Amino acid sequence: MKQTQTELLQGTLDLLVLKTLQSGPTHGWDIAQRIQQVSKDVLRVGQGSLYPALHRLEAQGWITSEWGASENNRRAKFYKLTAAGRKQLNVETESWERFTAAVGLVLKTT
């Protein structure tokens, strides 16, 4: 069975990035890889979407960044969840759960 790539709803990428950073600081490429891996290759985040999202989250104070060396010794920007970001992750998660429950209700109606 062929798996297809799924487009992310607007705002969903922010939630996925915040959730990914909950496990600790990492660089952009790793964030994209983790989302793809955890979603079993259903969700793929391109650089053209990821880096604007990272900049937006940083401007909102939900993540911070600093330069460091990646596992292959290349210079990379590492992103880290802030206290405000952890609070926002909770807000976004609750909102997502309400949204998906509501969609589920609509899909169950005949």
PDB file of N, CA and C in Angstrom:
ATOM      1  N   MET A   1       0.840  -1.178   0.000  1.00  0.00           N
ATOM      2  CA  MET A   1       0.000   0.000   0.000  1.00  0.00           C
ATOM      3  C   MET A   1       0.888   1.245   0.000  1.00  0.00           C
ATOM      4  N   LYS A   2       0.616   2.139  -0.880  1.00  0.00           N
ATOM      5  CA  LYS A   2       1.420   3.354  -1.014  1.00  0.00           C
ATOM      6  C   LYS A   2       1.011   4.378   0.044  1.00  0.00           C
ATOM      7  N   GLN A   3       2.013   4.912   0.758  1.00  0.00           N
ATOM      8  CA  GLN A   3       1.742   5.977   1.716  1.00  0.00           C
ATOM      9  C   GLN A   3       1.895   7.307   1.007  1.00  0.00           C
ATOM     10  N   THR A   4       1.037   8.241   1.352  1.00  0.00           N
ATOM     11  CA  THR A   4       1.119   9.547   0.732  1.00  0.00           C
ATOM     12  C   THR A   4       1.552  10.581   1.749  1.00  0.00           C
ATOM     13  N   GLN A   5       2.199  11.602   1.254  1.00  0.00           N
ATOM     14  CA  GLN A   5       2.613  12.712   2.094  1.00  0.00           C
ATOM     15  C   GLN A   5       1.386  13.555   2.403  1.00  0.00           C
ATOM     16  N   THR A   6       1.283  14.021   3.630  1.00  0.00           N
ATOM     17  CA  THR A   6       0.128  14.789   4.052  1.00  0.00           C
ATOM     18  C   THR A   6       0.513  16.248   4.260  1.00  0.00           C
ATOM     19  N   GLU A   7      -0.284  17.145   3.689  1.00  0.00           N
ATOM     20  CA  GLU A   7      -0.087  18.574   3.913  1.00  0.00           C
ATOM     21  C   GLU A   7      -0.523  18.911   5.337  1.00  0.00           C
ATOM     22  N   LEU A   8       0.234  19.764   5.990  1.00  0.00           N
ATOM     23  CA  LEU A   8      -0.101  20.155   7.345  1.00  0.00           C
ATOM     24  C   LEU A   8      -1.084  21.312   7.348  1.00  0.00           C
ATOM     25  N   LEU A   9      -2.062  21.251   8.244  1.00  0.00           N
ATOM     26  CA  LEU A   9      -2.966  22.374   8.425  1.00  0.00           C
ATOM     27  C   LEU A   9      -2.184  23.549   8.980  1.00  0.00           C
ATOM     28  N   GLN A  10      -2.613  24.755   8.621  1.00  0.00           N
ATOM     29  CA  GLN A  10      -1.954  25.939   9.135  1.00  0.00           C
ATOM     30  C   GLN A  10      -1.995  25.909  10.663  1.00  0.00           C
ATOM     31  N   GLY A  11      -0.874  26.158  11.307  1.00  0.00           N
ATOM     32  CA  GLY A  11      -0.792  26.137  12.759  1.00  0.00           C
ATOM     33  C   GLY A  11      -0.360  24.793  13.311  1.00  0.00           C
ATOM     34  N   THR A  12      -0.558  23.726  12.559  1.00  0.00           N
ATOM     35  CA  THR A  12      -0.181  22.400  13.026  1.00  0.00           C
ATOM     36  C   THR A  12       1.332  22.249  13.123  1.00  0.00           C
ATOM     37  N   LEU A  13       2.051  22.863  12.207  1.00  0.00           N
ATOM     38  CA  LEU A  13       3.510  22.765  12.223  1.00  0.00           C
ATOM     39  C   LEU A  13       4.077  23.342  13.517  1.00  0.00           C
ATOM     40  N   ASP A  14       3.519  24.455  13.979  1.00  0.00           N
ATOM     41  CA  ASP A  14       3.992  25.037  15.235  1.00  0.00           C
ATOM     42  C   ASP A  14       3.860  24.031  16.373  1.00  0.00           C
ATOM     43  N   LEU A  15       2.713  23.374  16.449  1.00  0.00           N
ATOM     44  CA  LEU A  15       2.478  22.369  17.483  1.00  0.00           C
ATOM     45  C   LEU A  15       3.487  21.229  17.379  1.00  0.00           C
ATOM     46  N   LEU A  16       3.726  20.747  16.175  1.00  0.00           N
ATOM     47  CA  LEU A  16       4.662  19.633  15.977  1.00  0.00           C
ATOM     48  C   LEU A  16       6.085  20.020  16.346  1.00  0.00           C
ATOM     49  N   VAL A  17       6.485  21.236  16.010  1.00  0.00           N
ATOM     50  CA  VAL A  17       7.828  21.705  16.350  1.00  0.00           C
ATOM     51  C   VAL A  17       7.966  21.831  17.863  1.00  0.00           C
ATOM     52  N   LEU A  18       6.990  22.459  18.510  1.00  0.00           N
ATOM     53  CA  LEU A  18       7.040  22.599  19.968  1.00  0.00           C
ATOM     54  C   LEU A  18       7.100  21.226  20.640  1.00  0.00           C
ATOM     55  N   LYS A  19       6.296  20.295  20.169  1.00  0.00           N
ATOM     56  CA  LYS A  19       6.282  18.942  20.740  1.00  0.00           C
ATOM     57  C   LYS A  19       7.632  18.257  20.537  1.00  0.00           C
ATOM     58  N   THR A  20       8.209  18.412  19.367  1.00  0.00           N
ATOM     59  CA  THR A  20       9.505  17.802  19.085  1.00  0.00           C
ATOM     60  C   THR A  20      10.582  18.369  20.001  1.00  0.00           C
ATOM     61  N   LEU A  21      10.548  19.671  20.245  1.00  0.00           N
ATOM     62  CA  LEU A  21      11.552  20.311  21.103  1.00  0.00           C
ATOM     63  C   LEU A  21      11.339  20.014  22.581  1.00  0.00           C
ATOM     64  N   GLN A  22      10.193  19.451  22.926  1.00  0.00           N
ATOM     65  CA  GLN A  22       9.932  19.098  24.322  1.00  0.00           C
ATOM     66  C   GLN A  22      10.962  18.081  24.825  1.00  0.00           C
ATOM     67  N   SER A  23      11.477  17.262  23.939  1.00  0.00           N
ATOM     68  CA  SER A  23      12.443  16.239  24.347  1.00  0.00           C
ATOM     69  C   SER A  23      13.870  16.775  24.452  1.00  0.00           C
ATOM     70  N   GLY A  24      14.074  18.039  24.095  1.00  0.00           N
ATOM     71  CA  GLY A  24      15.402  18.651  24.251  1.00  0.00           C
ATOM     72  C   GLY A  24      15.822  19.439  23.029  1.00  0.00           C
ATOM     73  N   PRO A  25      16.863  20.253  23.185  1.00  0.00           N
ATOM     74  CA  PRO A  25      17.335  21.104  22.084  1.00  0.00           C
ATOM     75  C   PRO A  25      17.840  20.278  20.904  1.00  0.00           C
ATOM     76  N   THR A  26      17.592  20.785  19.719  1.00  0.00           N
ATOM     77  CA  THR A  26      18.096  20.144  18.506  1.00  0.00           C
ATOM     78  C   THR A  26      18.079  21.143  17.357  1.00  0.00           C
ATOM     79  N   HIS A  27      18.653  20.754  16.242  1.00  0.00           N
ATOM     80  CA  HIS A  27      18.732  21.642  15.079  1.00  0.00           C
ATOM     81  C   HIS A  27      17.586  21.351  14.107  1.00  0.00           C
ATOM     82  N   GLY A  28      17.401  22.271  13.163  1.00  0.00           N
ATOM     83  CA  GLY A  28      16.264  22.224  12.254  1.00  0.00           C
ATOM     84  C   GLY A  28      16.130  20.934  11.472  1.00  0.00           C
ATOM     85  N   TRP A  29      17.233  20.462  10.893  1.00  0.00           N
ATOM     86  CA  TRP A  29      17.161  19.236  10.093  1.00  0.00           C
ATOM     87  C   TRP A  29      16.672  18.072  10.943  1.00  0.00           C
ATOM     88  N   ASP A  30      17.137  18.007  12.197  1.00  0.00           N
ATOM     89  CA  ASP A  30      16.725  16.926  13.085  1.00  0.00           C
ATOM     90  C   ASP A  30      15.246  17.034  13.443  1.00  0.00           C
ATOM     91  N   ILE A  31      14.743  18.250  13.604  1.00  0.00           N
ATOM     92  CA  ILE A  31      13.318  18.443  13.887  1.00  0.00           C
ATOM     93  C   ILE A  31      12.491  17.839  12.748  1.00  0.00           C
ATOM     94  N   ALA A  32      12.854  18.179  11.523  1.00  0.00           N
ATOM     95  CA  ALA A  32      12.130  17.657  10.358  1.00  0.00           C
ATOM     96  C   ALA A  32      12.215  16.134  10.294  1.00  0.00           C
ATOM     97  N   GLN A  33      13.393  15.579  10.561  1.00  0.00           N
ATOM     98  CA  GLN A  33      13.579  14.129  10.521  1.00  0.00           C
ATOM     99  C   GLN A  33      12.760  13.430  11.597  1.00  0.00           C
ATOM    100  N   ARG A  34      12.731  14.000  12.800  1.00  0.00           N
ATOM    101  CA  ARG A  34      11.965  13.385  13.892  1.00  0.00           C
ATOM    102  C   ARG A  34      10.474  13.382  13.577  1.00  0.00           C
ATOM    103  N   ILE A  35       9.965  14.489  13.041  1.00  0.00           N
ATOM    104  CA  ILE A  35       8.538  14.545  12.691  1.00  0.00           C
ATOM    105  C   ILE A  35       8.226  13.485  11.643  1.00  0.00           C
ATOM    106  N   GLN A  36       9.085  13.356  10.646  1.00  0.00           N
ATOM    107  CA  GLN A  36       8.882  12.358   9.599  1.00  0.00           C
ATOM    108  C   GLN A  36       8.950  10.948  10.178  1.00  0.00           C
ATOM    109  N   GLN A  37       9.929  10.704  11.039  1.00  0.00           N
ATOM    110  CA  GLN A  37      10.105   9.369  11.613  1.00  0.00           C
ATOM    111  C   GLN A  37       8.947   8.986  12.528  1.00  0.00           C
ATOM    112  N   VAL A  38       8.563   9.878  13.440  1.00  0.00           N
ATOM    113  CA  VAL A  38       7.494   9.575  14.379  1.00  0.00           C
ATOM    114  C   VAL A  38       6.164   9.387  13.655  1.00  0.00           C
ATOM    115  N   SER A  39       5.955  10.129  12.569  1.00  0.00           N
ATOM    116  CA  SER A  39       4.705  10.003  11.805  1.00  0.00           C
ATOM    117  C   SER A  39       4.752   8.844  10.802  1.00  0.00           C
ATOM    118  N   LYS A  40       5.794   8.056  10.859  1.00  0.00           N
ATOM    119  CA  LYS A  40       5.970   6.908   9.953  1.00  0.00           C
ATOM    120  C   LYS A  40       5.942   7.345   8.500  1.00  0.00           C
ATOM    121  N   ASP A  41       6.662   8.424   8.209  1.00  0.00           N
ATOM    122  CA  ASP A  41       6.839   8.973   6.863  1.00  0.00           C
ATOM    123  C   ASP A  41       5.572   9.585   6.260  1.00  0.00           C
ATOM    124  N   VAL A  42       4.546   9.828   7.063  1.00  0.00           N
ATOM    125  CA  VAL A  42       3.340  10.461   6.545  1.00  0.00           C
ATOM    126  C   VAL A  42       3.537  11.978   6.485  1.00  0.00           C
ATOM    127  N   LEU A  43       4.152  12.541   7.527  1.00  0.00           N
ATOM    128  CA  LEU A  43       4.368  13.986   7.582  1.00  0.00           C
ATOM    129  C   LEU A  43       5.808  14.316   7.213  1.00  0.00           C
ATOM    130  N   ARG A  44       5.953  15.153   6.222  1.00  0.00           N
ATOM    131  CA  ARG A  44       7.286  15.605   5.796  1.00  0.00           C
ATOM    132  C   ARG A  44       7.284  17.125   5.810  1.00  0.00           C
ATOM    133  N   VAL A  45       8.267  17.685   6.493  1.00  0.00           N
ATOM    134  CA  VAL A  45       8.348  19.135   6.632  1.00  0.00           C
ATOM    135  C   VAL A  45       9.528  19.637   5.811  1.00  0.00           C
ATOM    136  N   GLY A  46       9.238  20.451   4.821  1.00  0.00           N
ATOM    137  CA  GLY A  46      10.290  21.015   3.984  1.00  0.00           C
ATOM    138  C   GLY A  46      10.932  22.221   4.641  1.00  0.00           C
ATOM    139  N   GLN A  47      12.146  22.538   4.195  1.00  0.00           N
ATOM    140  CA  GLN A  47      12.863  23.687   4.735  1.00  0.00           C
ATOM    141  C   GLN A  47      12.094  24.982   4.532  1.00  0.00           C
ATOM    142  N   GLY A  48      11.377  25.081   3.419  1.00  0.00           N
ATOM    143  CA  GLY A  48      10.617  26.287   3.113  1.00  0.00           C
ATOM    144  C   GLY A  48       9.472  26.533   4.087  1.00  0.00           C
ATOM    145  N   SER A  49       9.050  25.502   4.800  1.00  0.00           N
ATOM    146  CA  SER A  49       8.022  25.646   5.832  1.00  0.00           C
ATOM    147  C   SER A  49       8.641  25.676   7.228  1.00  0.00           C
ATOM    148  N   LEU A  50       9.648  24.832   7.436  1.00  0.00           N
ATOM    149  CA  LEU A  50      10.221  24.678   8.769  1.00  0.00           C
ATOM    150  C   LEU A  50      10.910  25.947   9.271  1.00  0.00           C
ATOM    151  N   TYR A  51      11.807  26.503   8.474  1.00  0.00           N
ATOM    152  CA  TYR A  51      12.599  27.627   8.986  1.00  0.00           C
ATOM    153  C   TYR A  51      11.773  28.884   9.224  1.00  0.00           C
ATOM    154  N   PRO A  52      10.788  29.210   8.388  1.00  0.00           N
ATOM    155  CA  PRO A  52       9.905  30.326   8.751  1.00  0.00           C
ATOM    156  C   PRO A  52       9.145  30.053  10.058  1.00  0.00           C
ATOM    157  N   ALA A  53       8.744  28.802  10.274  1.00  0.00           N
ATOM    158  CA  ALA A  53       8.047  28.447  11.519  1.00  0.00           C
ATOM    159  C   ALA A  53       8.984  28.618  12.716  1.00  0.00           C
ATOM    160  N   LEU A  54      10.231  28.178  12.587  1.00  0.00           N
ATOM    161  CA  LEU A  54      11.196  28.338  13.671  1.00  0.00           C
ATOM    162  C   LEU A  54      11.424  29.811  13.990  1.00  0.00           C
ATOM    163  N   HIS A  55      11.554  30.634  12.960  1.00  0.00           N
ATOM    164  CA  HIS A  55      11.744  32.072  13.179  1.00  0.00           C
ATOM    165  C   HIS A  55      10.519  32.687  13.849  1.00  0.00           C
ATOM    166  N   ARG A  56       9.339  32.271  13.428  1.00  0.00           N
ATOM    167  CA  ARG A  56       8.094  32.773  14.010  1.00  0.00           C
ATOM    168  C   ARG A  56       7.981  32.373  15.488  1.00  0.00           C
ATOM    169  N   LEU A  57       8.289  31.121  15.796  1.00  0.00           N
ATOM    170  CA  LEU A  57       8.224  30.640  17.175  1.00  0.00           C
ATOM    171  C   LEU A  57       9.249  31.353  18.057  1.00  0.00           C
ATOM    172  N   GLU A  58      10.402  31.640  17.479  1.00  0.00           N
ATOM    173  CA  GLU A  58      11.441  32.359  18.231  1.00  0.00           C
ATOM    174  C   GLU A  58      11.007  33.804  18.482  1.00  0.00           C
ATOM    175  N   ALA A  59      10.402  34.448  17.490  1.00  0.00           N
ATOM    176  CA  ALA A  59       9.925  35.827  17.639  1.00  0.00           C
ATOM    177  C   ALA A  59       8.825  35.913  18.705  1.00  0.00           C
ATOM    178  N   GLN A  60       8.052  34.840  18.854  1.00  0.00           N
ATOM    179  CA  GLN A  60       6.991  34.812  19.862  1.00  0.00           C
ATOM    180  C   GLN A  60       7.515  34.464  21.252  1.00  0.00           C
ATOM    181  N   GLY A  61       8.801  34.114  21.339  1.00  0.00           N
ATOM    182  CA  GLY A  61       9.396  33.791  22.631  1.00  0.00           C
ATOM    183  C   GLY A  61       9.142  32.369  23.091  1.00  0.00           C
ATOM    184  N   TRP A  62       8.663  31.508  22.201  1.00  0.00           N
ATOM    185  CA  TRP A  62       8.356  30.135  22.567  1.00  0.00           C
ATOM    186  C   TRP A  62       9.555  29.212  22.425  1.00  0.00           C
ATOM    187  N   ILE A  63      10.540  29.619  21.629  1.00  0.00           N
ATOM    188  CA  ILE A  63      11.800  28.884  21.511  1.00  0.00           C
ATOM    189  C   ILE A  63      12.948  29.892  21.495  1.00  0.00           C
ATOM    190  N   THR A  64      14.135  29.411  21.807  1.00  0.00           N
ATOM    191  CA  THR A  64      15.353  30.209  21.657  1.00  0.00           C
ATOM    192  C   THR A  64      16.313  29.412  20.790  1.00  0.00           C
ATOM    193  N   SER A  65      17.360  30.060  20.333  1.00  0.00           N
ATOM    194  CA  SER A  65      18.337  29.346  19.502  1.00  0.00           C
ATOM    195  C   SER A  65      19.741  29.801  19.835  1.00  0.00           C
ATOM    196  N   GLU A  66      20.679  28.914  19.563  1.00  0.00           N
ATOM    197  CA  GLU A  66      22.101  29.251  19.659  1.00  0.00           C
ATOM    198  C   GLU A  66      22.880  28.350  18.715  1.00  0.00           C
ATOM    199  N   TRP A  67      24.005  28.862  18.265  1.00  0.00           N
ATOM    200  CA  TRP A  67      24.835  28.115  17.330  1.00  0.00           C
ATOM    201  C   TRP A  67      25.658  27.072  18.075  1.00  0.00           C
ATOM    202  N   GLY A  68      25.838  25.921  17.443  1.00  0.00           N
ATOM    203  CA  GLY A  68      26.640  24.844  18.001  1.00  0.00           C
ATOM    204  C   GLY A  68      27.070  23.909  16.890  1.00  0.00           C
ATOM    205  N   ALA A  69      27.662  22.780  17.285  1.00  0.00           N
ATOM    206  CA  ALA A  69      28.127  21.789  16.314  1.00  0.00           C
ATOM    207  C   ALA A  69      27.165  20.606  16.298  1.00  0.00           C
ATOM    208  N   SER A  70      26.770  20.198  15.106  1.00  0.00           N
ATOM    209  CA  SER A  70      25.878  19.050  14.958  1.00  0.00           C
ATOM    210  C   SER A  70      26.661  17.767  15.183  1.00  0.00           C
ATOM    211  N   GLU A  71      25.956  16.635  15.141  1.00  0.00           N
ATOM    212  CA  GLU A  71      26.612  15.348  15.376  1.00  0.00           C
ATOM    213  C   GLU A  71      27.685  15.029  14.342  1.00  0.00           C
ATOM    214  N   ASN A  72      27.601  15.628  13.151  1.00  0.00           N
ATOM    215  CA  ASN A  72      28.646  15.419  12.139  1.00  0.00           C
ATOM    216  C   ASN A  72      29.631  16.600  12.108  1.00  0.00           C
ATOM    217  N   ASN A  73      29.659  17.358  13.210  1.00  0.00           N
ATOM    218  CA  ASN A  73      30.611  18.444  13.430  1.00  0.00           C
ATOM    219  C   ASN A  73      30.430  19.634  12.492  1.00  0.00           C
ATOM    220  N   ARG A  74      29.234  19.811  11.988  1.00  0.00           N
ATOM    221  CA  ARG A  74      28.926  20.983  11.172  1.00  0.00           C
ATOM    222  C   ARG A  74      28.291  22.043  12.049  1.00  0.00           C
ATOM    223  N   ARG A  75      28.468  23.278  11.684  1.00  0.00           N
ATOM    224  CA  ARG A  75      27.859  24.384  12.420  1.00  0.00           C
ATOM    225  C   ARG A  75      26.352  24.357  12.173  1.00  0.00           C
ATOM    226  N   ALA A  76      25.583  24.404  13.255  1.00  0.00           N
ATOM    227  CA  ALA A  76      24.127  24.341  13.146  1.00  0.00           C
ATOM    228  C   ALA A  76      23.496  25.184  14.247  1.00  0.00           C
ATOM    229  N   LYS A  77      22.322  25.681  13.966  1.00  0.00           N
ATOM    230  CA  LYS A  77      21.564  26.434  14.952  1.00  0.00           C
ATOM    231  C   LYS A  77      20.684  25.449  15.716  1.00  0.00           C
ATOM    232  N   PHE A  78      20.842  25.447  17.029  1.00  0.00           N
ATOM    233  CA  PHE A  78      20.066  24.562  17.887  1.00  0.00           C
ATOM    234  C   PHE A  78      18.926  25.339  18.522  1.00  0.00           C
ATOM    235  N   TYR A  79      17.738  24.747  18.503  1.00  0.00           N
ATOM    236  CA  TYR A  79      16.537  25.383  19.023  1.00  0.00           C
ATOM    237  C   TYR A  79      16.125  24.701  20.315  1.00  0.00           C
ATOM    238  N   LYS A  80      15.618  25.500  21.249  1.00  0.00           N
ATOM    239  CA  LYS A  80      15.259  25.003  22.577  1.00  0.00           C
ATOM    240  C   LYS A  80      13.929  25.611  22.997  1.00  0.00           C
ATOM    241  N   LEU A  81      13.081  24.808  23.611  1.00  0.00           N
ATOM    242  CA  LEU A  81      11.790  25.243  24.114  1.00  0.00           C
ATOM    243  C   LEU A  81      11.996  26.128  25.349  1.00  0.00           C
ATOM    244  N   THR A  82      11.263  27.232  25.434  1.00  0.00           N
ATOM    245  CA  THR A  82      11.310  28.108  26.605  1.00  0.00           C
ATOM    246  C   THR A  82      10.153  27.741  27.545  1.00  0.00           C
ATOM    247  N   ALA A  83      10.146  28.350  28.717  1.00  0.00           N
ATOM    248  CA  ALA A  83       9.035  28.135  29.656  1.00  0.00           C
ATOM    249  C   ALA A  83       7.719  28.572  29.001  1.00  0.00           C
ATOM    250  N   ALA A  84       7.747  29.708  28.309  1.00  0.00           N
ATOM    251  CA  ALA A  84       6.552  30.177  27.600  1.00  0.00           C
ATOM    252  C   ALA A  84       6.164  29.193  26.504  1.00  0.00           C
ATOM    253  N   GLY A  85       7.149  28.574  25.866  1.00  0.00           N
ATOM    254  CA  GLY A  85       6.893  27.577  24.831  1.00  0.00           C
ATOM    255  C   GLY A  85       6.244  26.329  25.397  1.00  0.00           C
ATOM    256  N   ARG A  86       6.665  25.920  26.598  1.00  0.00           N
ATOM    257  CA  ARG A  86       6.034  24.758  27.238  1.00  0.00           C
ATOM    258  C   ARG A  86       4.564  25.049  27.547  1.00  0.00           C
ATOM    259  N   LYS A  87       4.289  26.265  28.018  1.00  0.00           N
ATOM    260  CA  LYS A  87       2.898  26.650  28.274  1.00  0.00           C
ATOM    261  C   LYS A  87       2.099  26.661  26.978  1.00  0.00           C
ATOM    262  N   GLN A  88       2.688  27.212  25.915  1.00  0.00           N
ATOM    263  CA  GLN A  88       2.008  27.268  24.625  1.00  0.00           C
ATOM    264  C   GLN A  88       1.768  25.878  24.067  1.00  0.00           C
ATOM    265  N   LEU A  89       2.714  24.972  24.282  1.00  0.00           N
ATOM    266  CA  LEU A  89       2.538  23.585  23.846  1.00  0.00           C
ATOM    267  C   LEU A  89       1.304  22.979  24.500  1.00  0.00           C
ATOM    268  N   ASN A  90       1.106  23.241  25.775  1.00  0.00           N
ATOM    269  CA  ASN A  90      -0.089  22.737  26.463  1.00  0.00           C
ATOM    270  C   ASN A  90      -1.360  23.333  25.870  1.00  0.00           C
ATOM    271  N   VAL A  91      -1.350  24.645  25.619  1.00  0.00           N
ATOM    272  CA  VAL A  91      -2.508  25.317  25.026  1.00  0.00           C
ATOM    273  C   VAL A  91      -2.812  24.735  23.646  1.00  0.00           C
ATOM    274  N   GLU A  92      -1.765  24.615  22.813  1.00  0.00           N
ATOM    275  CA  GLU A  92      -1.928  24.110  21.441  1.00  0.00           C
ATOM    276  C   GLU A  92      -2.398  22.645  21.444  1.00  0.00           C
ATOM    277  N   THR A  93      -1.864  21.853  22.379  1.00  0.00           N
ATOM    278  CA  THR A  93      -2.252  20.443  22.458  1.00  0.00           C
ATOM    279  C   THR A  93      -3.723  20.310  22.830  1.00  0.00           C
ATOM    280  N   GLU A  94      -4.166  21.066  23.826  1.00  0.00           N
ATOM    281  CA  GLU A  94      -5.580  21.032  24.221  1.00  0.00           C
ATOM    282  C   GLU A  94      -6.482  21.478  23.070  1.00  0.00           C
ATOM    283  N   SER A  95      -6.077  22.512  22.372  1.00  0.00           N
ATOM    284  CA  SER A  95      -6.851  23.007  21.230  1.00  0.00           C
ATOM    285  C   SER A  95      -6.922  21.945  20.135  1.00  0.00           C
ATOM    286  N   TRP A  96      -5.790  21.307  19.830  1.00  0.00           N
ATOM    287  CA  TRP A  96      -5.749  20.264  18.812  1.00  0.00           C
ATOM    288  C   TRP A  96      -6.656  19.098  19.190  1.00  0.00           C
ATOM    289  N   GLU A  97      -6.624  18.698  20.472  1.00  0.00           N
ATOM    290  CA  GLU A  97      -7.450  17.577  20.913  1.00  0.00           C
ATOM    291  C   GLU A  97      -8.931  17.911  20.801  1.00  0.00           C
ATOM    292  N   ARG A  98      -9.327  19.148  21.116  1.00  0.00           N
ATOM    293  CA  ARG A  98     -10.724  19.565  20.947  1.00  0.00           C
ATOM    294  C   ARG A  98     -11.111  19.541  19.469  1.00  0.00           C
ATOM    295  N   PHE A  99     -10.215  20.049  18.633  1.00  0.00           N
ATOM    296  CA  PHE A  99     -10.466  20.097  17.189  1.00  0.00           C
ATOM    297  C   PHE A  99     -10.639  18.697  16.608  1.00  0.00           C
ATOM    298  N   THR A 100      -9.706  17.795  16.923  1.00  0.00           N
ATOM    299  CA  THR A 100      -9.784  16.449  16.346  1.00  0.00           C
ATOM    300  C   THR A 100     -10.985  15.679  16.887  1.00  0.00           C
ATOM    301  N   ALA A 101     -11.368  15.912  18.150  1.00  0.00           N
ATOM    302  CA  ALA A 101     -12.561  15.268  18.704  1.00  0.00           C
ATOM    303  C   ALA A 101     -13.805  15.759  17.971  1.00  0.00           C
ATOM    304  N   ALA A 102     -13.858  17.059  17.677  1.00  0.00           N
ATOM    305  CA  ALA A 102     -15.004  17.623  16.961  1.00  0.00           C
ATOM    306  C   ALA A 102     -15.080  17.073  15.541  1.00  0.00           C
ATOM    307  N   VAL A 103     -13.945  16.982  14.865  1.00  0.00           N
ATOM    308  CA  VAL A 103     -13.937  16.404  13.512  1.00  0.00           C
ATOM    309  C   VAL A 103     -14.377  14.948  13.580  1.00  0.00           C
ATOM    310  N   GLY A 104     -13.908  14.229  14.584  1.00  0.00           N
ATOM    311  CA  GLY A 104     -14.314  12.836  14.764  1.00  0.00           C
ATOM    312  C   GLY A 104     -15.811  12.691  14.937  1.00  0.00           C
ATOM    313  N   LEU A 105     -16.425  13.611  15.689  1.00  0.00           N
ATOM    314  CA  LEU A 105     -17.879  13.576  15.874  1.00  0.00           C
ATOM    315  C   LEU A 105     -18.613  13.764  14.547  1.00  0.00           C
ATOM    316  N   VAL A 106     -18.114  14.718  13.752  1.00  0.00           N
ATOM    317  CA  VAL A 106     -18.755  14.979  12.455  1.00  0.00           C
ATOM    318  C   VAL A 106     -18.610  13.763  11.547  1.00  0.00           C
ATOM    319  N   LEU A 107     -17.455  13.141  11.549  1.00  0.00           N
ATOM    320  CA  LEU A 107     -17.233  11.983  10.678  1.00  0.00           C
ATOM    321  C   LEU A 107     -18.080  10.783  11.092  1.00  0.00           C
ATOM    322  N   LYS A 108     -18.443  10.689  12.356  1.00  0.00           N
ATOM    323  CA  LYS A 108     -19.239   9.546  12.841  1.00  0.00           C
ATOM    324  C   LYS A 108     -20.722   9.697  12.546  1.00  0.00           C
ATOM    325  N   THR A 109     -21.170  10.908  12.231  1.00  0.00           N
ATOM    326  CA  THR A 109     -22.596  11.101  11.978  1.00  0.00           C
ATOM    327  C   THR A 109     -22.951  10.524  10.604  1.00  0.00           C
ATOM    328  N   THR A 110     -24.145   9.991  10.515  1.00  0.00           N
ATOM    329  CA  THR A 110     -24.585   9.409   9.235  1.00  0.00           C
ATOM    330  C   THR A 110     -25.777  10.145   8.677  1.00  0.00           C
TER     331      THR A 110
END
